[in-house]
Amino acid sequence: MTVYKILQSKADETVITVTPDVTVSDAAGVLSAKRIGTVVISRDGKVAEGILSERDIVREIGKRGPSCLSEKVTSMMTTNIETCKRADRADDILKRMTDGRFRHMPVVENGEMVGLITIGDVVKMRLAELSMEKDALEGMIMGH
């Protein structure tokens, strides 16, 4: 299974972005309103400059207190972003996410984002794949 297949299975392929001048508080509002776990920081909505997750925000509030919510997202975002391509294998992406301890990965082609996948997306597709394999094996055993 490839990242392309995962993107096809998603109800909405839109990548939610905020610009670098947005405050952390406003970004948290976007996360809450959209019921998502991360936003990509981008000036143009196409090139990922950073990524900010719920975990990043909570971690910084724990370290520095709530005053950090008034800072720009650039003060808190991860700039060393792990990305993938549509042709990448889902198993490889799952390993990268697990090893790197992150849950969101922009899909980038020719320098521009074409989607965002989550570890939940990958696991959901993998479980569906395993279920189909199980059904096929049971059918073979039963002679169907």
C-alpha atoms as a PDB file:
ATOM      1  CA  MET A   1       0.000   0.000   0.000  1.00  0.00           C
ATOM      2  CA  THR A   2       1.225   3.471  -0.868  1.00  0.00           C
ATOM      3  CA  VAL A   3       0.708   6.965   0.517  1.00  0.00           C
ATOM      4  CA  TYR A   4      -1.291   7.687  -2.643  1.00  0.00           C
ATOM      5  CA  LYS A   5      -3.847   5.012  -1.642  1.00  0.00           C
ATOM      6  CA  ILE A   6      -4.085   6.488   1.848  1.00  0.00           C
ATOM      7  CA  LEU A   7      -4.731   9.965   0.449  1.00  0.00           C
ATOM      8  CA  GLN A   8      -7.442   8.557  -1.828  1.00  0.00           C
ATOM      9  CA  SER A   9      -9.201   7.006   1.164  1.00  0.00           C
ATOM     10  CA  LYS A  10      -9.381  10.260   3.106  1.00  0.00           C
ATOM     11  CA  ALA A  11     -12.672  12.149   3.072  1.00  0.00           C
ATOM     12  CA  ASP A  12     -10.840  15.463   2.788  1.00  0.00           C
ATOM     13  CA  GLU A  13      -7.320  15.892   1.413  1.00  0.00           C
ATOM     14  CA  THR A  14      -7.094  19.566   2.420  1.00  0.00           C
ATOM     15  CA  VAL A  15      -3.986  20.482   4.406  1.00  0.00           C
ATOM     16  CA  ILE A  16      -4.877  23.001   7.097  1.00  0.00           C
ATOM     17  CA  THR A  17      -2.219  25.710   7.226  1.00  0.00           C
ATOM     18  CA  VAL A  18      -1.609  28.909   9.150  1.00  0.00           C
ATOM     19  CA  THR A  19       0.810  31.673   8.274  1.00  0.00           C
ATOM     20  CA  PRO A  20       3.984  32.304  10.320  1.00  0.00           C
ATOM     21  CA  ASP A  21       2.587  35.535  11.827  1.00  0.00           C
ATOM     22  CA  VAL A  22      -0.308  33.732  13.581  1.00  0.00           C
ATOM     23  CA  THR A  23      -0.159  33.429  17.373  1.00  0.00           C
ATOM     24  CA  VAL A  24       0.007  30.063  19.068  1.00  0.00           C
ATOM     25  CA  SER A  25      -3.363  30.841  20.654  1.00  0.00           C
ATOM     26  CA  ASP A  26      -4.941  31.413  17.242  1.00  0.00           C
ATOM     27  CA  ALA A  27      -3.347  28.219  15.910  1.00  0.00           C
ATOM     28  CA  ALA A  28      -4.781  26.336  18.902  1.00  0.00           C
ATOM     29  CA  GLY A  29      -8.168  27.790  17.975  1.00  0.00           C
ATOM     30  CA  VAL A  30      -7.802  26.388  14.456  1.00  0.00           C
ATOM     31  CA  LEU A  31      -6.855  22.974  15.868  1.00  0.00           C
ATOM     32  CA  SER A  32      -9.920  23.023  18.097  1.00  0.00           C
ATOM     33  CA  ALA A  33     -12.345  24.309  15.466  1.00  0.00           C
ATOM     34  CA  LYS A  34     -11.182  21.819  12.828  1.00  0.00           C
ATOM     35  CA  ARG A  35     -10.824  18.967  15.348  1.00  0.00           C
ATOM     36  CA  ILE A  36      -7.309  18.183  14.116  1.00  0.00           C
ATOM     37  CA  GLY A  37      -3.984  17.515  15.826  1.00  0.00           C
ATOM     38  CA  THR A  38      -1.614  19.651  13.792  1.00  0.00           C
ATOM     39  CA  VAL A  39      -1.334  22.638  11.491  1.00  0.00           C
ATOM     40  CA  VAL A  40       1.305  23.217   8.870  1.00  0.00           C
ATOM     41  CA  ILE A  41       2.964  26.626   8.895  1.00  0.00           C
ATOM     42  CA  SER A  42       3.088  28.049   5.380  1.00  0.00           C
ATOM     43  CA  ARG A  43       3.118  31.520   3.852  1.00  0.00           C
ATOM     44  CA  ASP A  44       1.410  30.373   0.656  1.00  0.00           C
ATOM     45  CA  GLY A  45      -0.429  27.192   1.643  1.00  0.00           C
ATOM     46  CA  LYS A  46       1.844  25.169  -0.638  1.00  0.00           C
ATOM     47  CA  VAL A  47       5.344  25.090   0.885  1.00  0.00           C
ATOM     48  CA  ALA A  48       5.656  23.703   4.416  1.00  0.00           C
ATOM     49  CA  GLU A  49       7.898  25.896   6.570  1.00  0.00           C
ATOM     50  CA  GLY A  50       7.041  24.249   9.869  1.00  0.00           C
ATOM     51  CA  ILE A  51       4.531  22.123  11.702  1.00  0.00           C
ATOM     52  CA  LEU A  52       2.828  22.723  15.050  1.00  0.00           C
ATOM     53  CA  SER A  53       0.970  20.034  16.952  1.00  0.00           C
ATOM     54  CA  GLU A  54      -1.191  19.898  20.046  1.00  0.00           C
ATOM     55  CA  ARG A  55       1.694  18.148  21.792  1.00  0.00           C
ATOM     56  CA  ASP A  56       4.070  20.995  20.939  1.00  0.00           C
ATOM     57  CA  ILE A  57       1.685  23.525  22.464  1.00  0.00           C
ATOM     58  CA  VAL A  58       1.016  21.527  25.625  1.00  0.00           C
ATOM     59  CA  ARG A  59       4.724  20.819  26.105  1.00  0.00           C
ATOM     60  CA  GLU A  60       5.587  24.531  25.899  1.00  0.00           C
ATOM     61  CA  ILE A  61       2.737  25.571  28.199  1.00  0.00           C
ATOM     62  CA  GLY A  62       4.089  23.039  30.701  1.00  0.00           C
ATOM     63  CA  LYS A  63       7.610  24.493  30.432  1.00  0.00           C
ATOM     64  CA  ARG A  64       6.896  28.207  30.135  1.00  0.00           C
ATOM     65  CA  GLY A  65       3.335  28.747  31.235  1.00  0.00           C
ATOM     66  CA  PRO A  66       0.347  30.120  29.329  1.00  0.00           C
ATOM     67  CA  SER A  67       2.123  33.336  28.299  1.00  0.00           C
ATOM     68  CA  CYS A  68       3.674  31.427  25.376  1.00  0.00           C
ATOM     69  CA  LEU A  69       0.231  31.330  23.755  1.00  0.00           C
ATOM     70  CA  SER A  70       0.658  34.966  22.713  1.00  0.00           C
ATOM     71  CA  GLU A  71       3.881  34.211  20.797  1.00  0.00           C
ATOM     72  CA  LYS A  72       4.019  33.600  17.054  1.00  0.00           C
ATOM     73  CA  VAL A  73       3.835  29.987  15.879  1.00  0.00           C
ATOM     74  CA  THR A  74       7.392  30.345  14.574  1.00  0.00           C
ATOM     75  CA  SER A  75       8.638  30.318  18.170  1.00  0.00           C
ATOM     76  CA  MET A  76       7.219  26.857  18.758  1.00  0.00           C
ATOM     77  CA  MET A  77       6.949  25.087  15.404  1.00  0.00           C
ATOM     78  CA  THR A  78       9.114  22.195  14.309  1.00  0.00           C
ATOM     79  CA  THR A  79      11.161  23.297  11.317  1.00  0.00           C
ATOM     80  CA  ASN A  80      12.893  20.010  10.538  1.00  0.00           C
ATOM     81  CA  ILE A  81       9.804  18.470   8.955  1.00  0.00           C
ATOM     82  CA  GLU A  82       9.674  14.848   7.890  1.00  0.00           C
ATOM     83  CA  THR A  83       7.834  14.561   4.579  1.00  0.00           C
ATOM     84  CA  CYS A  84       6.936  11.780   2.196  1.00  0.00           C
ATOM     85  CA  LYS A  85       5.852  11.304  -1.405  1.00  0.00           C
ATOM     86  CA  ARG A  86       2.694   9.685  -2.796  1.00  0.00           C
ATOM     87  CA  ALA A  87       4.730   6.717  -4.079  1.00  0.00           C
ATOM     88  CA  ASP A  88       6.205   5.915  -0.631  1.00  0.00           C
ATOM     89  CA  ARG A  89       5.139   2.656   0.999  1.00  0.00           C
ATOM     90  CA  ALA A  90       2.846   2.954   4.005  1.00  0.00           C
ATOM     91  CA  ASP A  91       4.904   0.457   6.026  1.00  0.00           C
ATOM     92  CA  ASP A  92       7.988   2.659   5.609  1.00  0.00           C
ATOM     93  CA  ILE A  93       6.021   5.750   6.668  1.00  0.00           C
ATOM     94  CA  LEU A  94       4.634   3.955   9.724  1.00  0.00           C
ATOM     95  CA  LYS A  95       8.166   3.006  10.761  1.00  0.00           C
ATOM     96  CA  ARG A  96       9.442   6.573  10.274  1.00  0.00           C
ATOM     97  CA  MET A  97       6.567   7.985  12.322  1.00  0.00           C
ATOM     98  CA  THR A  98       7.004   5.437  15.086  1.00  0.00           C
ATOM     99  CA  ASP A  99      10.787   5.839  15.236  1.00  0.00           C
ATOM    100  CA  GLY A 100      10.562   9.640  15.135  1.00  0.00           C
ATOM    101  CA  ARG A 101       7.659   9.755  17.624  1.00  0.00           C
ATOM    102  CA  PHE A 102       5.468  12.028  15.512  1.00  0.00           C
ATOM    103  CA  ARG A 103       1.951  11.531  14.191  1.00  0.00           C
ATOM    104  CA  HIS A 104       1.615  13.786  11.141  1.00  0.00           C
ATOM    105  CA  MET A 105       3.514  13.933   7.863  1.00  0.00           C
ATOM    106  CA  PRO A 106       3.039  16.287   4.920  1.00  0.00           C
ATOM    107  CA  VAL A 107       3.007  14.642   1.511  1.00  0.00           C
ATOM    108  CA  VAL A 108       5.191  16.727  -0.801  1.00  0.00           C
ATOM    109  CA  GLU A 109       5.629  16.487  -4.573  1.00  0.00           C
ATOM    110  CA  ASN A 110       7.799  18.924  -6.540  1.00  0.00           C
ATOM    111  CA  GLY A 111       8.307  21.065  -3.450  1.00  0.00           C
ATOM    112  CA  GLU A 112       4.589  21.587  -2.759  1.00  0.00           C
ATOM    113  CA  MET A 113       2.234  19.895  -0.308  1.00  0.00           C
ATOM    114  CA  VAL A 114      -0.347  17.626  -1.885  1.00  0.00           C
ATOM    115  CA  GLY A 115      -1.719  16.184   1.333  1.00  0.00           C
ATOM    116  CA  LEU A 116      -1.102  15.279   4.957  1.00  0.00           C
ATOM    117  CA  ILE A 117      -1.250  11.821   6.452  1.00  0.00           C
ATOM    118  CA  THR A 118      -1.519  10.818  10.069  1.00  0.00           C
ATOM    119  CA  ILE A 119      -0.387   7.714  11.862  1.00  0.00           C
ATOM    120  CA  GLY A 120      -4.096   6.984  12.324  1.00  0.00           C
ATOM    121  CA  ASP A 121      -4.618   7.065   8.547  1.00  0.00           C
ATOM    122  CA  VAL A 122      -1.781   4.589   8.046  1.00  0.00           C
ATOM    123  CA  VAL A 123      -2.961   2.250  10.803  1.00  0.00           C
ATOM    124  CA  LYS A 124      -6.573   2.349   9.535  1.00  0.00           C
ATOM    125  CA  MET A 125      -5.489   1.361   6.022  1.00  0.00           C
ATOM    126  CA  ARG A 126      -3.154  -1.326   7.315  1.00  0.00           C
ATOM    127  CA  LEU A 127      -5.949  -2.849   9.431  1.00  0.00           C
ATOM    128  CA  ALA A 128      -8.250  -2.868   6.396  1.00  0.00           C
ATOM    129  CA  GLU A 129      -5.518  -4.563   4.378  1.00  0.00           C
ATOM    130  CA  LEU A 130      -4.999  -7.204   7.077  1.00  0.00           C
ATOM    131  CA  SER A 131      -8.743  -7.844   7.277  1.00  0.00           C
ATOM    132  CA  MET A 132      -8.909  -8.464   3.521  1.00  0.00           C
ATOM    133  CA  GLU A 133      -5.915 -10.809   3.723  1.00  0.00           C
ATOM    134  CA  LYS A 134      -7.576 -12.700   6.598  1.00  0.00           C
ATOM    135  CA  ASP A 135     -10.815 -13.055   4.642  1.00  0.00           C
ATOM    136  CA  ALA A 136      -8.920 -14.287   1.584  1.00  0.00           C
ATOM    137  CA  LEU A 137      -7.008 -16.859   3.627  1.00  0.00           C
ATOM    138  CA  GLU A 138     -10.180 -18.074   5.331  1.00  0.00           C
ATOM    139  CA  GLY A 139     -11.806 -18.403   1.913  1.00  0.00           C
ATOM    140  CA  MET A 140      -8.895 -20.477   0.632  1.00  0.00           C
ATOM    141  CA  ILE A 141      -8.970 -22.734   3.692  1.00  0.00           C
ATOM    142  CA  MET A 142     -12.717 -23.266   3.425  1.00  0.00           C
ATOM    143  CA  GLY A 143     -12.422 -23.901  -0.313  1.00  0.00           C
ATOM    144  CA  HIS A 144     -14.391 -20.824  -1.473  1.00  0.00           C
END
